[in-house]
Amino acid sequence: QARTDACLGACAGTSSPLSAAGRPADAERIPGIGAAQSSAMGFVKVVKNKSYFRRYQVKYRRRREGKTDYFARKRLVVQDKNKYNTPKYRMIVRVSNRDIVCQVAFAKIEGDVIVCAAYSHELPRYGVKVGLTNYAAAYCTGLLLTRRLLQKFGLDKIYEGEVVVTGDEFNVESVTGKPSVFTCYLDAGLARTSTGNKVFGAMKGAADGGLSIPHSTKRFPGYDSESKEFNAEVHRRHIFGVNVADYMKHLMEEDED
């Protein structure tokens, strides 16, 4: 009988022996066969069965919506045990197509508490009329947030920040006999933290305004990753929007219309 099945398989154009059902034996191991053929083929394992769905646990809503990175949020929110109920402040920066939002907040069980906020659409009141989403606007929004926050806590006269903008690294230090400097940590959200990102422009504005934010110069415009050197003049040009002005002049020279 086996010899006969082998001959029939060769006549049918297949090199594999036939099974008892009259099909090649290799066909029983082919996945993706329909339910109508499964009964003739034998056992087919169901991967996602009833037990799988009974144990399935959905992710957090804001993770399902792709809005919150909970791996990063946990590390920004959790406070040291020896600091008890001291709030851990975060400087939140979010950039949209038409606005830049800067907030200082801390987390509670009920939800985040916003201490202070500033928006780039407020900048026309202070003289910045256009370009409300570029690097210069991000710097101004972070600076506005810091001065508004320090005024709220009565620290604006003690910590004046960087008076002359040079683009170089600046870290405010606490004054002896006075309240400590206000410290917070940058919350960039889902933004790609590449060199020159506008998130770091807002952080630089906040640092120059008198806010203590742990950072380095490696993500500011003007940092060269190959030579490991930081050019503060390039960063200063971005803060004042000189790079935008140069680009517009270049466009005007090419096409006057």
Protein backbone atom coordinates (compact mmCIF):
# COMPACT_ATOMS: atom_id res chain seq x y z
CA GLN A 1 0.00 0.00 0.00
CA ALA A 2 2.83 2.45 0.80
CA ARG A 3 4.43 1.70 -2.57
CA THR A 4 1.12 2.38 -4.31
CA ASP A 5 0.68 5.72 -2.48
CA ALA A 6 4.19 6.76 -3.48
CA CYS A 7 3.46 5.96 -7.12
CA LEU A 8 0.20 7.93 -7.00
CA GLY A 9 2.07 10.90 -5.45
CA ALA A 10 4.66 10.83 -8.22
CA CYS A 11 1.94 10.76 -10.88
CA ALA A 12 0.24 13.78 -9.24
CA GLY A 13 3.46 15.85 -9.52
CA THR A 14 4.42 15.74 -5.82
CA SER A 15 7.55 14.19 -4.41
CA SER A 16 6.11 13.60 -0.91
CA PRO A 17 4.13 10.48 0.02
CA LEU A 18 0.36 10.70 0.35
CA SER A 19 -1.44 10.49 3.67
CA ALA A 20 -4.43 8.34 4.44
CA ALA A 21 -6.70 11.18 3.31
CA GLY A 22 -5.11 11.17 -0.14
CA ARG A 23 -3.08 14.41 0.25
CA PRO A 24 0.68 14.94 0.63
CA ALA A 25 1.78 14.50 4.24
CA ASP A 26 3.58 17.90 4.15
CA ALA A 27 0.23 19.63 3.63
CA GLU A 28 -0.82 18.74 7.17
CA ARG A 29 1.97 20.93 8.50
CA ILE A 30 1.14 23.99 6.38
CA PRO A 31 -0.24 26.84 8.58
CA GLY A 32 -3.09 29.10 7.62
CA ILE A 33 -5.42 26.42 6.26
CA GLY A 34 -9.13 27.34 6.53
CA ALA A 35 -11.56 25.90 9.07
CA ALA A 36 -13.28 23.77 6.42
CA GLN A 37 -10.04 21.89 5.75
CA SER A 38 -8.87 21.69 9.38
CA SER A 39 -11.12 18.74 10.19
CA ALA A 40 -9.55 16.68 7.44
CA MET A 41 -6.05 17.78 8.37
CA GLY A 42 -6.17 17.00 12.09
CA PHE A 43 -5.18 19.18 15.10
CA VAL A 44 -4.52 22.89 14.53
CA LYS A 45 -3.39 24.89 17.57
CA VAL A 46 -5.31 28.11 18.34
CA VAL A 47 -2.82 30.68 19.70
CA LYS A 48 -5.24 33.28 21.10
CA ASN A 49 -7.83 31.18 22.85
CA LYS A 50 -10.29 31.90 25.63
CA SER A 51 -7.62 31.65 28.33
CA TYR A 52 -5.53 34.28 26.56
CA PHE A 53 -8.34 36.83 26.44
CA ARG A 54 -9.37 36.14 30.04
CA ARG A 55 -5.88 37.11 31.21
CA TYR A 56 -5.45 40.04 28.82
CA GLN A 57 -4.96 43.41 30.54
CA VAL A 58 -5.35 46.62 28.57
CA LYS A 59 -2.69 49.30 28.79
CA TYR A 60 -3.27 52.74 30.27
CA ARG A 61 -5.53 54.96 28.23
CA ARG A 62 -2.87 57.56 27.45
CA ARG A 63 -0.50 54.76 26.40
CA ARG A 64 -3.14 53.39 24.04
CA GLU A 65 -3.59 56.88 22.60
CA GLY A 66 0.19 57.27 22.23
CA LYS A 67 0.31 60.41 24.39
CA THR A 68 2.35 59.42 27.47
CA ASP A 69 5.65 57.61 27.87
CA TYR A 70 5.07 55.97 31.24
CA PHE A 71 8.63 54.60 31.37
CA ALA A 72 9.95 58.17 31.42
CA ARG A 73 7.08 59.57 33.50
CA LYS A 74 7.73 57.15 36.35
CA ARG A 75 11.31 58.39 36.66
CA LEU A 76 10.26 62.04 36.49
CA VAL A 77 7.48 61.71 39.06
CA VAL A 78 8.79 59.36 41.76
CA GLN A 79 10.29 61.30 44.67
CA ASP A 80 13.02 60.09 47.02
CA LYS A 81 11.66 58.49 50.20
CA ASN A 82 13.83 60.67 52.45
CA LYS A 83 12.16 63.80 51.02
CA TYR A 84 8.73 62.65 52.21
CA ASN A 85 5.93 64.75 50.68
CA THR A 86 8.15 67.33 48.97
CA PRO A 87 6.83 67.95 45.43
CA LYS A 88 9.09 66.96 42.56
CA TYR A 89 8.61 69.72 40.02
CA ARG A 90 8.81 69.16 36.26
CA MET A 91 9.16 71.71 33.50
CA ILE A 92 6.83 70.44 30.80
CA VAL A 93 7.46 71.59 27.22
CA ARG A 94 5.11 70.70 24.36
CA VAL A 95 5.41 72.01 20.81
CA SER A 96 2.48 71.98 18.39
CA ASN A 97 2.10 73.37 14.88
CA ARG A 98 0.87 76.76 16.10
CA ASP A 99 1.89 77.06 19.75
CA ILE A 100 4.52 76.25 22.37
CA VAL A 101 3.36 75.33 25.87
CA CYS A 102 5.59 75.55 28.94
CA GLN A 103 4.36 74.47 32.36
CA VAL A 104 5.75 73.75 35.81
CA ALA A 105 3.84 70.93 37.49
CA PHE A 106 4.12 68.20 40.10
CA ALA A 107 2.27 64.91 40.44
CA LYS A 108 -0.30 63.88 43.03
CA ILE A 109 -2.52 60.82 43.25
CA GLU A 110 -5.46 62.84 41.99
CA GLY A 111 -3.43 64.00 38.99
CA ASP A 112 -0.82 66.57 38.00
CA VAL A 113 -1.02 70.02 39.61
CA ILE A 114 -0.03 72.92 37.35
CA VAL A 115 1.88 75.55 39.31
CA CYS A 116 2.54 78.00 36.47
CA ALA A 117 2.18 78.12 32.70
CA ALA A 118 3.26 80.24 29.73
CA TYR A 119 2.36 80.06 26.05
CA SER A 120 4.02 81.39 22.92
CA HIS A 121 0.77 83.01 21.78
CA GLU A 122 1.29 85.45 24.68
CA LEU A 123 4.56 86.73 23.18
CA PRO A 124 2.98 89.44 20.95
CA ARG A 125 2.23 91.33 24.18
CA TYR A 126 5.98 91.51 24.83
CA GLY A 127 7.10 92.49 21.33
CA VAL A 128 7.51 89.14 19.54
CA LYS A 129 4.92 89.44 16.78
CA VAL A 130 5.77 86.58 14.39
CA GLY A 131 7.53 83.23 14.37
CA LEU A 132 5.78 81.94 17.47
CA THR A 133 6.92 78.33 17.01
CA ASN A 134 10.63 78.69 16.20
CA TYR A 135 13.64 78.26 18.49
CA ALA A 136 13.69 81.94 19.51
CA ALA A 137 10.01 81.78 20.51
CA ALA A 138 10.68 78.63 22.55
CA TYR A 139 13.46 80.47 24.41
CA CYS A 140 11.19 83.46 25.11
CA THR A 141 8.37 81.20 26.32
CA GLY A 142 10.68 79.43 28.76
CA LEU A 143 12.00 82.78 29.98
CA LEU A 144 8.46 84.11 30.46
CA LEU A 145 7.50 80.99 32.43
CA THR A 146 10.46 81.34 34.76
CA ARG A 147 9.97 85.01 35.56
CA ARG A 148 6.25 84.42 36.13
CA LEU A 149 6.97 81.48 38.43
CA LEU A 150 9.62 83.27 40.48
CA GLN A 151 7.34 86.26 40.90
CA LYS A 152 4.63 83.95 42.22
CA PHE A 153 6.96 82.61 44.93
CA GLY A 154 8.61 85.96 45.64
CA LEU A 155 11.99 84.94 44.25
CA ASP A 156 12.15 87.27 41.25
CA LYS A 157 14.18 89.93 43.10
CA ILE A 158 16.65 87.40 44.53
CA TYR A 159 17.36 85.44 41.35
CA GLU A 160 17.53 87.67 38.30
CA GLY A 161 19.11 85.03 36.06
CA GLU A 162 21.34 85.74 33.07
CA VAL A 163 21.08 89.46 32.28
CA VAL A 164 23.23 89.38 29.11
CA VAL A 165 22.36 86.50 26.76
CA THR A 166 25.53 84.88 25.46
CA GLY A 167 24.25 81.42 24.55
CA ASP A 168 26.81 79.80 26.84
CA GLU A 169 26.01 77.48 29.72
CA PHE A 170 24.49 79.18 32.78
CA ASN A 171 23.51 77.58 36.08
CA VAL A 172 21.93 79.65 38.81
CA GLU A 173 23.24 79.15 42.34
CA SER A 174 21.48 79.58 45.68
CA VAL A 175 22.13 82.77 47.65
CA THR A 176 23.34 82.35 51.22
CA GLY A 177 20.73 83.36 53.79
CA LYS A 178 17.96 83.47 51.17
CA PRO A 179 15.42 80.88 49.99
CA SER A 180 16.96 78.19 47.81
CA VAL A 181 16.76 78.37 44.05
CA PHE A 182 13.70 76.76 42.44
CA THR A 183 14.69 73.36 40.99
CA CYS A 184 12.79 71.30 38.44
CA TYR A 185 13.46 68.69 35.76
CA LEU A 186 12.80 68.84 32.03
CA ASP A 187 9.85 66.81 30.74
CA ALA A 188 10.21 66.58 26.94
CA GLY A 189 7.33 64.13 26.48
CA LEU A 190 7.46 62.15 23.24
CA ALA A 191 9.67 64.67 21.42
CA ARG A 192 12.82 63.33 19.78
CA THR A 193 15.58 64.80 21.92
CA SER A 194 18.00 65.50 19.09
CA THR A 195 20.55 68.31 19.02
CA GLY A 196 18.87 71.67 18.35
CA ASN A 197 15.35 70.60 19.35
CA LYS A 198 13.08 73.50 20.36
CA VAL A 199 12.43 71.76 23.68
CA PHE A 200 15.98 72.61 24.70
CA GLY A 201 15.46 76.20 23.59
CA ALA A 202 12.63 76.52 26.12
CA MET A 203 14.80 74.88 28.75
CA LYS A 204 17.64 77.34 28.03
CA GLY A 205 15.23 80.26 28.42
CA ALA A 206 14.09 78.90 31.76
CA ALA A 207 17.67 78.37 32.93
CA ASP A 208 18.67 81.91 31.90
CA GLY A 209 15.61 83.24 33.69
CA GLY A 210 16.74 81.87 37.06
CA LEU A 211 15.38 78.32 37.17
CA SER A 212 17.66 75.48 38.21
CA ILE A 213 17.39 72.67 35.64
CA PRO A 214 20.09 69.96 35.44
CA HIS A 215 21.40 69.98 31.86
CA SER A 216 24.47 70.14 29.63
CA THR A 217 25.33 71.83 26.35
CA LYS A 218 25.34 68.65 24.27
CA ARG A 219 21.83 69.22 22.85
CA PHE A 220 22.12 72.95 22.13
CA PRO A 221 22.67 74.27 18.60
CA GLY A 222 26.38 74.83 18.14
CA TYR A 223 27.56 71.59 19.74
CA ASP A 224 29.79 69.46 17.52
CA SER A 225 29.57 65.76 18.38
CA GLU A 226 32.76 64.93 16.50
CA SER A 227 35.06 67.49 18.12
CA LYS A 228 33.09 67.48 21.42
CA GLU A 229 33.13 71.29 21.44
CA PHE A 230 30.33 73.80 21.98
CA ASN A 231 30.16 77.07 20.04
CA ALA A 232 28.16 79.52 22.16
CA GLU A 233 27.97 82.09 19.33
CA VAL A 234 26.00 79.67 17.12
CA HIS A 235 23.59 79.09 19.97
CA ARG A 236 23.22 82.82 20.55
CA ARG A 237 22.32 83.32 16.88
CA HIS A 238 19.54 80.77 17.20
CA ILE A 239 18.23 82.42 20.36
CA PHE A 240 17.97 85.79 18.62
CA GLY A 241 16.62 84.27 15.40
CA VAL A 242 19.58 85.40 13.29
CA ASN A 243 19.57 82.10 11.42
CA VAL A 244 15.95 82.73 10.37
CA ALA A 245 16.80 86.26 9.21
CA ASP A 246 19.76 84.99 7.17
CA TYR A 247 17.58 82.38 5.51
CA MET A 248 14.94 84.97 4.59
CA LYS A 249 17.63 87.24 3.12
CA HIS A 250 18.89 84.32 1.10
CA LEU A 251 15.41 83.67 -0.27
CA MET A 252 14.96 87.35 -1.15
CA GLU A 253 18.22 87.37 -3.09
CA GLU A 254 17.23 84.30 -5.09
CA ASP A 255 13.63 85.33 -5.78
CA GLU A 256 12.41 88.87 -5.10
CA ASP A 257 8.76 87.84 -5.41
